[in-house]
Amino acid sequence: MSGRTGGMLMRRQRRTEESGPYWRQRNWQLSAGFLGLVVLLAGFVALTSGGDDANAAAADGPLSGASAPKDGRPDGCRTDDSAGDALPTSAPKDISWHTLGVARVPVSASAGPTRTSGPLRWCYAHTPVGAALAATVIPSQMSGSSWRTVSRQQVVAGHGRDLFEFQRSTVPDIDSVEQSPGLSVGTYAGFAVTSYTGRAAQVSLLIRTGQGYAQTTIVLRFSDGDWKVLPDDDGSLHTSVTTVQGNPSGYVLWGA
């Protein structure tokens, strides 16, 4: 499958969304409340007007086009890239779990994120596992008050990012579960790298909820020396969250 054909298929898959204004779509309500995909909102998300320009930092940063190297990794970014393009059959042995906003996310000392700069967790291995970790951690940073900084550094620039930021600015920030008693937090259970070229990746995330399992897909690009989320033209960072029937198979599990 050519890269152009694969890209068209990815886009077509993403457009199987519900019809109607984005703020009435269940998928947007899930995303807006917590773009880490593991929070299910109990009821409609109340929208607010306007954005927080005070959070509009990150014109410069470790992953901005101005400061990132044209070739190689940003300064201080060190990961184990020895796996190359080989698709993983198991999670890294050094996975640990960290609380990030309202979620717990897997982190690997060898595959990333190995660097922290303010609200940014960055520097992922240039491997399929690194892409899977980026697909899990980057959107998980979008619920809180530093979402704009994360977006400017870790979402690919373009119309899709502009539309995401416009839509996200209409939704209240949630920096912790205590801020919103109606939240029911699921768990990142596993991943499947369904497409990988070294410059681009498509990752399916498996999420464990109180009702079973769900899944969604995120597309990434290797840009400015690290993995970034590639949004759809409609501003979505991921495909619709769908239920997984029965016991899931084909996923690499993160482990406890």
Foldseek 3Di string as FASTA:
>chain_A
DDPVVVVVVVQVQQPPFDDDDLLPGLQSQQCLQAVLNFKHFDDRADWADDFDVVLQDQCDDQQHPVQFDPDAAGPPQAADQVVPADWDPAADPQWDWDDFQAAIATAHCHAFLPDDDPNDRWRGHLYLNSQQRLLNPLSRNCQAPNNNNSLNRFEDDDLLSVLLNNVSRGGDHGRYCVVPVRIFGWHFWFKAFPDDDSQKTKMKTWIQGPVGIKIKIWIWGCHSRTIHTYGHNNNHRIGGIGDDPDDDPRTHTNDD
